[in-house]
PDB file of N, CA and C in Angstrom:
ATOM      1  N   UNK A   1      34.593  15.895  18.566  1.00  0.00           N
ATOM      2  CA  UNK A   1      34.273  17.284  18.519  1.00  0.00           C
ATOM      3  C   UNK A   1      34.427  17.596  20.092  1.00  0.00           C
ATOM      4  N   UNK A   2      34.992  18.946  20.221  1.00  0.00           N
ATOM      5  CA  UNK A   2      34.813  19.570  21.249  1.00  0.00           C
ATOM      6  C   UNK A   2      33.666  20.325  21.695  1.00  0.00           C
ATOM      7  N   UNK A   3      33.383  21.056  23.118  1.00  0.00           N
ATOM      8  CA  UNK A   3      32.429  22.158  22.824  1.00  0.00           C
ATOM      9  C   UNK A   3      32.704  23.408  22.340  1.00  0.00           C
ATOM     10  N   UNK A   4      33.651  23.746  22.434  1.00  0.00           N
ATOM     11  CA  UNK A   4      34.220  24.742  21.637  1.00  0.00           C
ATOM     12  C   UNK A   4      34.227  24.621  19.814  1.00  0.00           C
ATOM     13  N   UNK A   5      34.093  23.164  19.586  1.00  0.00           N
ATOM     14  CA  UNK A   5      33.956  23.461  17.858  1.00  0.00           C
ATOM     15  C   UNK A   5      32.809  23.135  17.665  1.00  0.00           C
ATOM     16  N   UNK A   6      31.778  22.787  18.585  1.00  0.00           N
ATOM     17  CA  UNK A   6      30.040  22.775  18.623  1.00  0.00           C
ATOM     18  C   UNK A   6      29.940  23.723  18.300  1.00  0.00           C
ATOM     19  N   UNK A   7      30.108  24.588  19.266  1.00  0.00           N
ATOM     20  CA  UNK A   7      29.584  26.190  19.332  1.00  0.00           C
ATOM     21  C   UNK A   7      29.867  26.865  18.032  1.00  0.00           C
ATOM     22  N   UNK A   8      31.091  26.484  17.700  1.00  0.00           N
ATOM     23  CA  UNK A   8      31.861  27.341  16.491  1.00  0.00           C
ATOM     24  C   UNK A   8      30.929  26.861  15.363  1.00  0.00           C
ATOM     25  N   UNK A   9      30.465  25.463  15.080  1.00  0.00           N
ATOM     26  CA  UNK A   9      29.902  24.905  14.210  1.00  0.00           C
ATOM     27  C   UNK A   9      28.510  25.700  14.130  1.00  0.00           C
ATOM     28  N   UNK A  10      27.958  25.903  15.332  1.00  0.00           N
ATOM     29  CA  UNK A  10      26.378  26.247  15.290  1.00  0.00           C
ATOM     30  C   UNK A  10      26.281  27.688  15.155  1.00  0.00           C
ATOM     31  N   UNK A  11      27.431  28.856  15.614  1.00  0.00           N
ATOM     32  CA  UNK A  11      27.691  30.146  14.999  1.00  0.00           C
ATOM     33  C   UNK A  11      27.607  30.182  13.576  1.00  0.00           C
ATOM     34  N   UNK A  12      28.584  29.595  13.157  1.00  0.00           N
ATOM     35  CA  UNK A  12      28.855  29.614  11.646  1.00  0.00           C
ATOM     36  C   UNK A  12      27.377  28.693  10.695  1.00  0.00           C
ATOM     37  N   UNK A  13      26.813  28.207  11.078  1.00  0.00           N
ATOM     38  CA  UNK A  13      25.938  27.713  10.311  1.00  0.00           C
ATOM     39  C   UNK A  13      24.349  28.225  10.804  1.00  0.00           C
ATOM     40  N   UNK A  14      24.091  29.663  11.597  1.00  0.00           N
ATOM     41  CA  UNK A  14      23.261  30.246  12.232  1.00  0.00           C
ATOM     42  C   UNK A  14      22.198  29.305  12.777  1.00  0.00           C
ATOM     43  N   UNK A  15      22.430  28.251  13.610  1.00  0.00           N
ATOM     44  CA  UNK A  15      21.835  27.556  14.302  1.00  0.00           C
ATOM     45  C   UNK A  15      21.895  28.295  16.041  1.00  0.00           C
ATOM     46  N   UNK A  16      20.435  28.612  16.276  1.00  0.00           N
ATOM     47  CA  UNK A  16      20.634  28.579  17.768  1.00  0.00           C
ATOM     48  C   UNK A  16      20.588  27.414  18.640  1.00  0.00           C
ATOM     49  N   UNK A  17      20.664  27.454  19.837  1.00  0.00           N
ATOM     50  CA  UNK A  17      20.981  26.021  20.657  1.00  0.00           C
ATOM     51  C   UNK A  17      19.317  25.424  20.270  1.00  0.00           C
ATOM     52  N   UNK A  18      18.442  26.390  20.615  1.00  0.00           N
ATOM     53  CA  UNK A  18      17.096  25.924  20.482  1.00  0.00           C
ATOM     54  C   UNK A  18      16.930  25.119  19.237  1.00  0.00           C
ATOM     55  N   UNK A  19      17.355  25.566  18.095  1.00  0.00           N
ATOM     56  CA  UNK A  19      16.489  25.427  16.801  1.00  0.00           C
ATOM     57  C   UNK A  19      17.733  23.956  16.133  1.00  0.00           C
ATOM     58  N   UNK A  20      19.184  24.149  17.121  1.00  0.00           N
ATOM     59  CA  UNK A  20      19.950  22.931  16.845  1.00  0.00           C
ATOM     60  C   UNK A  20      19.250  21.544  17.453  1.00  0.00           C
ATOM     61  N   UNK A  21      19.063  21.935  18.508  1.00  0.00           N
ATOM     62  CA  UNK A  21      18.199  20.971  19.660  1.00  0.00           C
ATOM     63  C   UNK A  21      16.938  20.409  19.137  1.00  0.00           C
ATOM     64  N   UNK A  22      16.363  21.301  18.471  1.00  0.00           N
ATOM     65  CA  UNK A  22      14.926  20.664  17.698  1.00  0.00           C
ATOM     66  C   UNK A  22      15.348  19.839  16.177  1.00  0.00           C
ATOM     67  N   UNK A  23      16.405  20.355  15.388  1.00  0.00           N
ATOM     68  CA  UNK A  23      16.997  19.536  14.459  1.00  0.00           C
ATOM     69  C   UNK A  23      17.600  18.137  14.840  1.00  0.00           C
ATOM     70  N   UNK A  24      17.796  18.239  15.683  1.00  0.00           N
ATOM     71  CA  UNK A  24      18.624  16.855  16.262  1.00  0.00           C
ATOM     72  C   UNK A  24      17.477  16.004  17.327  1.00  0.00           C
ATOM     73  N   UNK A  25      16.570  16.531  17.708  1.00  0.00           N
ATOM     74  CA  UNK A  25      15.684  15.737  18.297  1.00  0.00           C
ATOM     75  C   UNK A  25      15.916  15.468  19.772  1.00  0.00           C
ATOM     76  N   UNK A  26      16.656  16.237  20.256  1.00  0.00           N
ATOM     77  CA  UNK A  26      17.346  16.370  21.675  1.00  0.00           C
ATOM     78  C   UNK A  26      16.505  17.810  22.242  1.00  0.00           C
ATOM     79  N   UNK A  27      16.836  18.040  23.602  1.00  0.00           N
ATOM     80  CA  UNK A  27      16.495  18.799  24.379  1.00  0.00           C
ATOM     81  C   UNK A  27      17.525  19.965  24.446  1.00  0.00           C
ATOM     82  N   UNK A  28      17.023  21.063  24.306  1.00  0.00           N
ATOM     83  CA  UNK A  28      18.251  22.523  24.300  1.00  0.00           C
ATOM     84  C   UNK A  28      18.977  22.595  25.909  1.00  0.00           C
ATOM     85  N   UNK A  29      18.718  21.914  26.609  1.00  0.00           N
ATOM     86  CA  UNK A  29      19.372  21.811  27.753  1.00  0.00           C
ATOM     87  C   UNK A  29      20.672  20.609  26.889  1.00  0.00           C
ATOM     88  N   UNK A  30      20.589  20.075  26.420  1.00  0.00           N
ATOM     89  CA  UNK A  30      21.260  18.901  26.131  1.00  0.00           C
ATOM     90  C   UNK A  30      22.593  19.685  25.124  1.00  0.00           C
ATOM     91  N   UNK A  31      21.678  20.484  24.397  1.00  0.00           N
ATOM     92  CA  UNK A  31      22.978  21.533  23.734  1.00  0.00           C
ATOM     93  C   UNK A  31      23.884  21.906  24.386  1.00  0.00           C
ATOM     94  N   UNK A  32      23.162  22.991  25.058  1.00  0.00           N
ATOM     95  CA  UNK A  32      23.757  23.662  26.511  1.00  0.00           C
ATOM     96  C   UNK A  32      25.091  23.392  27.120  1.00  0.00           C
ATOM     97  N   UNK A  33      24.552  21.920  27.447  1.00  0.00           N
ATOM     98  CA  UNK A  33      25.512  21.314  28.120  1.00  0.00           C
ATOM     99  C   UNK A  33      26.577  20.543  27.291  1.00  0.00           C
ATOM    100  N   UNK A  34      26.411  20.124  26.118  1.00  0.00           N
ATOM    101  CA  UNK A  34      27.389  19.459  25.109  1.00  0.00           C
ATOM    102  C   UNK A  34      28.418  21.241  25.212  1.00  0.00           C
ATOM    103  N   UNK A  35      28.205  22.303  24.732  1.00  0.00           N
ATOM    104  CA  UNK A  35      28.530  23.409  24.569  1.00  0.00           C
ATOM    105  C   UNK A  35      29.604  23.774  26.118  1.00  0.00           C
ATOM    106  N   UNK A  36      28.998  23.614  26.944  1.00  0.00           N
ATOM    107  CA  UNK A  36      29.421  24.014  28.169  1.00  0.00           C
ATOM    108  C   UNK A  36      30.921  22.720  29.125  1.00  0.00           C
ATOM    109  N   UNK A  37      30.609  21.770  28.023  1.00  0.00           N
ATOM    110  CA  UNK A  37      31.378  20.564  28.594  1.00  0.00           C
ATOM    111  C   UNK A  37      31.119  19.806  29.863  1.00  0.00           C
ATOM    112  N   UNK A  38      29.747  19.882  30.279  1.00  0.00           N
ATOM    113  CA  UNK A  38      29.328  19.350  31.271  1.00  0.00           C
ATOM    114  C   UNK A  38      28.802  17.755  30.878  1.00  0.00           C
ATOM    115  N   UNK A  39      28.555  17.704  29.660  1.00  0.00           N
ATOM    116  CA  UNK A  39      27.961  16.463  29.035  1.00  0.00           C
ATOM    117  C   UNK A  39      28.796  16.228  27.942  1.00  0.00           C
ATOM    118  N   UNK A  40      28.790  14.665  27.765  1.00  0.00           N
ATOM    119  CA  UNK A  40      30.280  14.025  26.804  1.00  0.00           C
ATOM    120  C   UNK A  40      29.441  14.290  25.501  1.00  0.00           C
ATOM    121  N   UNK A  41      29.932  14.918  24.447  1.00  0.00           N
ATOM    122  CA  UNK A  41      29.168  15.180  23.342  1.00  0.00           C
ATOM    123  C   UNK A  41      29.449  13.695  22.365  1.00  0.00           C
ATOM    124  N   UNK A  42      28.293  12.927  21.904  1.00  0.00           N
ATOM    125  CA  UNK A  42      28.334  11.956  21.184  1.00  0.00           C
ATOM    126  C   UNK A  42      29.090  11.962  19.928  1.00  0.00           C
ATOM    127  N   UNK A  43      29.919  10.670  19.915  1.00  0.00           N
ATOM    128  CA  UNK A  43      30.714  10.304  18.605  1.00  0.00           C
ATOM    129  C   UNK A  43      30.354  10.286  17.441  1.00  0.00           C
ATOM    130  N   UNK A  44      29.058  10.272  17.594  1.00  0.00           N
ATOM    131  CA  UNK A  44      28.426  10.383  16.347  1.00  0.00           C
ATOM    132  C   UNK A  44      27.866  12.001  15.962  1.00  0.00           C
ATOM    133  N   UNK A  45      27.895  12.833  16.623  1.00  0.00           N
ATOM    134  CA  UNK A  45      27.650  14.150  16.226  1.00  0.00           C
ATOM    135  C   UNK A  45      27.889  14.985  14.880  1.00  0.00           C
ATOM    136  N   UNK A  46      28.788  14.523  14.957  1.00  0.00           N
ATOM    137  CA  UNK A  46      29.628  15.431  13.726  1.00  0.00           C
ATOM    138  C   UNK A  46      28.946  14.840  12.361  1.00  0.00           C
ATOM    139  N   UNK A  47      28.484  13.229  12.400  1.00  0.00           N
ATOM    140  CA  UNK A  47      27.707  12.974  11.300  1.00  0.00           C
ATOM    141  C   UNK A  47      26.676  13.749  11.020  1.00  0.00           C
ATOM    142  N   UNK A  48      25.739  14.313  12.123  1.00  0.00           N
ATOM    143  CA  UNK A  48      24.627  14.712  12.383  1.00  0.00           C
ATOM    144  C   UNK A  48      24.668  16.093  11.602  1.00  0.00           C
ATOM    145  N   UNK A  49      25.495  16.722  11.926  1.00  0.00           N
ATOM    146  CA  UNK A  49      25.849  18.157  11.647  1.00  0.00           C
ATOM    147  C   UNK A  49      26.317  18.502  10.419  1.00  0.00           C
ATOM    148  N   UNK A  50      27.023  17.146   9.605  1.00  0.00           N
ATOM    149  CA  UNK A  50      27.074  17.227   8.083  1.00  0.00           C
ATOM    150  C   UNK A  50      25.819  17.305   7.558  1.00  0.00           C
ATOM    151  N   UNK A  51      25.014  16.585   7.787  1.00  0.00           N
ATOM    152  CA  UNK A  51      23.939  16.309   7.085  1.00  0.00           C
ATOM    153  C   UNK A  51      23.132  17.870   7.251  1.00  0.00           C
ATOM    154  N   UNK A  52      23.234  18.472   8.432  1.00  0.00           N
ATOM    155  CA  UNK A  52      22.261  19.554   8.765  1.00  0.00           C
ATOM    156  C   UNK A  52      23.259  20.962   7.766  1.00  0.00           C
ATOM    157  N   UNK A  53      24.615  20.598   7.640  1.00  0.00           N
ATOM    158  CA  UNK A  53      25.348  21.952   7.042  1.00  0.00           C
ATOM    159  C   UNK A  53      24.718  22.158   5.565  1.00  0.00           C
ATOM    160  N   UNK A  54      24.332  23.538   5.369  1.00  0.00           N
ATOM    161  CA  UNK A  54      23.669  24.028   3.974  1.00  0.00           C
ATOM    162  C   UNK A  54      22.160  23.192   3.771  1.00  0.00           C
ATOM    163  N   UNK A  55      21.654  23.241   5.016  1.00  0.00           N
ATOM    164  CA  UNK A  55      20.022  23.124   4.562  1.00  0.00           C
ATOM    165  C   UNK A  55      19.274  23.851   5.968  1.00  0.00           C
ATOM    166  N   UNK A  56      18.311  23.956   5.307  1.00  0.00           N
ATOM    167  CA  UNK A  56      17.339  24.392   6.125  1.00  0.00           C
ATOM    168  C   UNK A  56      16.305  23.566   7.395  1.00  0.00           C
ATOM    169  N   UNK A  57      17.145  23.594   8.413  1.00  0.00           N
ATOM    170  CA  UNK A  57      16.562  22.408   9.040  1.00  0.00           C
ATOM    171  C   UNK A  57      15.231  22.815   9.844  1.00  0.00           C
ATOM    172  N   UNK A  58      14.459  21.586   9.792  1.00  0.00           N
ATOM    173  CA  UNK A  58      13.033  21.467  10.095  1.00  0.00           C
ATOM    174  C   UNK A  58      11.644  21.937   9.274  1.00  0.00           C
ATOM    175  N   UNK A  59      12.290  21.683   8.159  1.00  0.00           N
ATOM    176  CA  UNK A  59      11.203  21.995   6.767  1.00  0.00           C
ATOM    177  C   UNK A  59      10.271  20.975   6.773  1.00  0.00           C
ATOM    178  N   UNK A  60       9.337  21.129   6.565  1.00  0.00           N
ATOM    179  CA  UNK A  60       7.947  20.141   6.408  1.00  0.00           C
ATOM    180  C   UNK A  60       7.513  20.147   5.033  1.00  0.00           C
ATOM    181  N   UNK A  61       7.499  18.658   4.177  1.00  0.00           N
ATOM    182  CA  UNK A  61       7.140  18.851   3.056  1.00  0.00           C
ATOM    183  C   UNK A  61       6.236  17.631   2.867  1.00  0.00           C
ATOM    184  N   UNK A  62       4.919  17.723   1.889  1.00  0.00           N
ATOM    185  CA  UNK A  62       4.191  17.027   1.757  1.00  0.00           C
ATOM    186  C   UNK A  62       4.251  15.911   1.062  1.00  0.00           C
ATOM    187  N   UNK A  63       4.458  14.730   1.363  1.00  0.00           N
ATOM    188  CA  UNK A  63       4.688  13.316   0.280  1.00  0.00           C
ATOM    189  C   UNK A  63       3.667  13.268  -0.499  1.00  0.00           C
ATOM    190  N   UNK A  64       4.160  13.310  -1.621  1.00  0.00           N
ATOM    191  CA  UNK A  64       3.264  12.991  -3.150  1.00  0.00           C
ATOM    192  C   UNK A  64       2.005  11.826  -2.797  1.00  0.00           C
ATOM    193  N   UNK A  65       0.985  12.526  -3.180  1.00  0.00           N
ATOM    194  CA  UNK A  65      -0.271  11.183  -2.798  1.00  0.00           C
ATOM    195  C   UNK A  65      -0.658  11.189  -1.592  1.00  0.00           C
ATOM    196  N   UNK A  66      -0.056  11.557  -0.427  1.00  0.00           N
ATOM    197  CA  UNK A  66      -0.427  10.958   0.871  1.00  0.00           C
ATOM    198  C   UNK A  66      -0.615  12.373   1.609  1.00  0.00           C
ATOM    199  N   UNK A  67      -1.654  12.063   2.802  1.00  0.00           N
ATOM    200  CA  UNK A  67      -1.916  13.162   3.477  1.00  0.00           C
ATOM    201  C   UNK A  67      -1.045  13.409   4.870  1.00  0.00           C
ATOM    202  N   UNK A  68      -0.066  12.297   4.828  1.00  0.00           N
ATOM    203  CA  UNK A  68       1.236  12.488   5.798  1.00  0.00           C
ATOM    204  C   UNK A  68       1.990  13.928   5.151  1.00  0.00           C
ATOM    205  N   UNK A  69       2.728  13.883   6.549  1.00  0.00           N
ATOM    206  CA  UNK A  69       3.903  15.135   6.158  1.00  0.00           C
ATOM    207  C   UNK A  69       4.852  14.549   6.830  1.00  0.00           C
ATOM    208  N   UNK A  70       6.308  14.644   6.163  1.00  0.00           N
ATOM    209  CA  UNK A  70       7.530  14.332   6.688  1.00  0.00           C
ATOM    210  C   UNK A  70       8.428  15.226   7.533  1.00  0.00           C
ATOM    211  N   UNK A  71       9.364  15.329   8.141  1.00  0.00           N
ATOM    212  CA  UNK A  71      10.031  16.203   8.924  1.00  0.00           C
ATOM    213  C   UNK A  71      11.109  15.826   8.254  1.00  0.00           C
ATOM    214  N   UNK A  72      11.628  17.171   7.581  1.00  0.00           N
ATOM    215  CA  UNK A  72      13.041  17.252   6.678  1.00  0.00           C
ATOM    216  C   UNK A  72      14.090  17.993   7.477  1.00  0.00           C
ATOM    217  N   UNK A  73      15.220  17.418   7.974  1.00  0.00           N
ATOM    218  CA  UNK A  73      16.409  17.768   8.443  1.00  0.00           C
ATOM    219  C   UNK A  73      17.432  18.821   7.231  1.00  0.00           C
TER     220      UNK A  73
END
């Protein structure tokens, strides 16, 4: 994935750099660096983005019968 492709994916799927970083569990600066080409994009990033497509990233749902919460991507 190229920096240009990442930025296009992010805009197409209505993610800000900050929101995408949060969904991926990385710093916003990392997303910025990937898009500028100053940091190498992981070969696995396309898999993570595929999981985020069409989902509302960062939703929190209660686990049945438990007081714990899980973070859904």
